[in-house]
C-alpha atoms as a PDB file:
ATOM      1  CA  ASN A   1       0.119  -0.317   0.340  1.00  0.00           C
ATOM      2  CA  LYS A   2       2.744   2.186   0.715  1.00  0.00           C
ATOM      3  CA  LEU A   3       3.858   2.127  -3.183  1.00  0.00           C
ATOM      4  CA  ALA A   4       0.011   2.702  -3.831  1.00  0.00           C
ATOM      5  CA  GLN A   5       0.517   5.957  -1.591  1.00  0.00           C
ATOM      6  CA  GLN A   6       3.873   7.319  -3.579  1.00  0.00           C
ATOM      7  CA  GLN A   7       1.845   6.604  -6.997  1.00  0.00           C
ATOM      8  CA  GLN A   8       4.496   3.923  -7.514  1.00  0.00           C
ATOM      9  CA  TRP A   9       1.697   1.619  -9.498  1.00  0.00           C
ATOM     10  CA  ARG A  10       3.640  -0.315 -11.959  1.00  0.00           C
ATOM     11  CA  GLU A  11       5.448  -1.761  -8.458  1.00  0.00           C
ATOM     12  CA  ALA A  12       2.246  -1.838  -6.800  1.00  0.00           C
ATOM     13  CA  GLN A  13       0.809  -3.990  -8.886  1.00  0.00           C
ATOM     14  CA  SER A  14       3.351  -6.520  -8.914  1.00  0.00           C
ATOM     15  CA  HIS A  15       3.336  -6.694  -5.482  1.00  0.00           C
ATOM     16  CA  TYR A  16      -0.851  -6.701  -5.499  1.00  0.00           C
ATOM     17  CA  PHE A  17      -0.502  -9.479  -7.775  1.00  0.00           C
ATOM     18  CA  ALA A  18       1.869 -11.490  -5.707  1.00  0.00           C
ATOM     19  CA  ALA A  19      -0.620 -10.923  -2.479  1.00  0.00           C
ATOM     20  CA  LEU A  20      -3.118 -12.230  -4.784  1.00  0.00           C
ATOM     21  CA  SER A  21      -1.186 -15.157  -5.728  1.00  0.00           C
ATOM     22  CA  LEU A  22      -0.805 -15.897  -2.361  1.00  0.00           C
ATOM     23  CA  ASP A  23      -4.726 -15.999  -1.050  1.00  0.00           C
ATOM     24  CA  LYS A  24      -6.918 -15.867  -4.050  1.00  0.00           C
ATOM     25  CA  THR A  25     -10.066 -15.926  -2.294  1.00  0.00           C
ATOM     26  CA  HIS A  26      -8.799 -11.914  -0.330  1.00  0.00           C
ATOM     27  CA  PRO A  27     -11.572  -9.527  -2.090  1.00  0.00           C
ATOM     28  CA  ASP A  28      -9.043  -6.467  -0.523  1.00  0.00           C
ATOM     29  CA  TYR A  29      -6.123  -7.940  -2.977  1.00  0.00           C
ATOM     30  CA  ALA A  30      -7.847  -8.033  -5.615  1.00  0.00           C
ATOM     31  CA  TYR A  31      -9.502  -4.792  -5.614  1.00  0.00           C
ATOM     32  CA  ASN A  32      -5.743  -3.064  -4.828  1.00  0.00           C
ATOM     33  CA  LEU A  33      -4.607  -4.731  -7.799  1.00  0.00           C
ATOM     34  CA  ALA A  34      -7.939  -3.726  -9.491  1.00  0.00           C
ATOM     35  CA  ILE A  35      -6.950  -0.088  -8.447  1.00  0.00           C
ATOM     36  CA  SER A  36      -3.304  -0.148  -9.834  1.00  0.00           C
ATOM     37  CA  LEU A  37      -4.261  -1.701 -13.047  1.00  0.00           C
ATOM     38  CA  GLU A  38      -6.782   1.210 -13.487  1.00  0.00           C
ATOM     39  CA  HIS A  39      -3.807   3.394 -12.826  1.00  0.00           C
ATOM     40  CA  LEU A  40      -1.780   1.829 -15.246  1.00  0.00           C
ATOM     41  CA  GLY A  41      -4.595   2.540 -18.084  1.00  0.00           C
ATOM     42  CA  LYS A  42      -5.371  -0.722 -18.277  1.00  0.00           C
ATOM     43  CA  ARG A  43      -9.039  -0.579 -17.915  1.00  0.00           C
ATOM     44  CA  GLN A  44     -10.527  -4.062 -18.628  1.00  0.00           C
ATOM     45  CA  ALA A  45      -8.091  -6.034 -16.763  1.00  0.00           C
ATOM     46  CA  ALA A  46      -9.234  -3.525 -13.994  1.00  0.00           C
ATOM     47  CA  GLN A  47     -12.953  -3.964 -14.163  1.00  0.00           C
ATOM     48  CA  ALA A  48     -12.481  -7.602 -14.727  1.00  0.00           C
ATOM     49  CA  MET A  49     -10.529  -7.621 -11.423  1.00  0.00           C
ATOM     50  CA  TYR A  50     -12.914  -5.374  -9.793  1.00  0.00           C
ATOM     51  CA  GLN A  51     -15.529  -7.602 -10.691  1.00  0.00           C
ATOM     52  CA  LYS A  52     -13.435 -10.600  -8.938  1.00  0.00           C
ATOM     53  CA  ALA A  53     -13.106  -8.363  -5.356  1.00  0.00           C
ATOM     54  CA  ILE A  54     -17.096  -7.987  -5.468  1.00  0.00           C
ATOM     55  CA  THR A  55     -17.512 -11.772  -6.082  1.00  0.00           C
ATOM     56  CA  LEU A  56     -15.266 -12.710  -3.519  1.00  0.00           C
ATOM     57  CA  SER A  57     -16.480 -10.148  -1.295  1.00  0.00           C
ATOM     58  CA  ALA A  58     -19.737 -11.991  -1.213  1.00  0.00           C
ATOM     59  CA  SER A  59     -17.898 -15.270   0.971  1.00  0.00           C
ATOM     60  CA  ARG A  60     -14.846 -12.925   3.029  1.00  0.00           C
ATOM     61  CA  THR A  61     -15.060  -9.739   4.877  1.00  0.00           C
ATOM     62  CA  ALA A  62     -14.195  -6.678   2.548  1.00  0.00           C
ATOM     63  CA  HIS A  63     -12.493  -3.034   3.474  1.00  0.00           C
ATOM     64  CA  PHE A  64     -14.132  -1.348   0.234  1.00  0.00           C
ATOM     65  CA  ASP A  65     -17.819  -0.326  -0.551  1.00  0.00           C
ATOM     66  CA  VAL A  66     -19.196  -2.677  -2.935  1.00  0.00           C
ATOM     67  CA  VAL A  67     -21.691  -0.259  -4.641  1.00  0.00           C
ATOM     68  CA  SER A  68     -18.819   2.306  -5.327  1.00  0.00           C
ATOM     69  CA  THR A  69     -16.905  -0.461  -7.213  1.00  0.00           C
ATOM     70  CA  GLN A  70     -19.698  -1.514  -9.160  1.00  0.00           C
ATOM     71  CA  GLN A  71     -20.240   1.799 -10.168  1.00  0.00           C
ATOM     72  CA  ARG A  72     -16.674   2.140 -11.070  1.00  0.00           C
ATOM     73  CA  ILE A  73     -17.029  -1.038 -13.554  1.00  0.00           C
ATOM     74  CA  THR A  74     -19.611   0.875 -15.102  1.00  0.00           C
ATOM     75  CA  GLU A  75     -17.791   3.767 -15.461  1.00  0.00           C
ATOM     76  CA  LEU A  76     -15.171   1.857 -16.888  1.00  0.00           C
ATOM     77  CA  SER A  77     -17.121  -0.018 -19.466  1.00  0.00           C
ATOM     78  CA  GLN A  78     -18.293   3.097 -21.087  1.00  0.00           C
END
């Protein structure tokens, strides 16, 4: 998260991807990866990862707003 705060998105993406690889059921890892993908201009990949985060949040506590995330997916698809 520190890398994201410093807007070092490429490095942050790498760490978020590694975290999600270690725990494929963690919605916050998918969400953070989506944010980093979006900042890197990878809109379709970000959309897919936001959707994955929402899906994962159905079975595990998430620390992001699902409604706002769904709205972001809609915005990215336009």
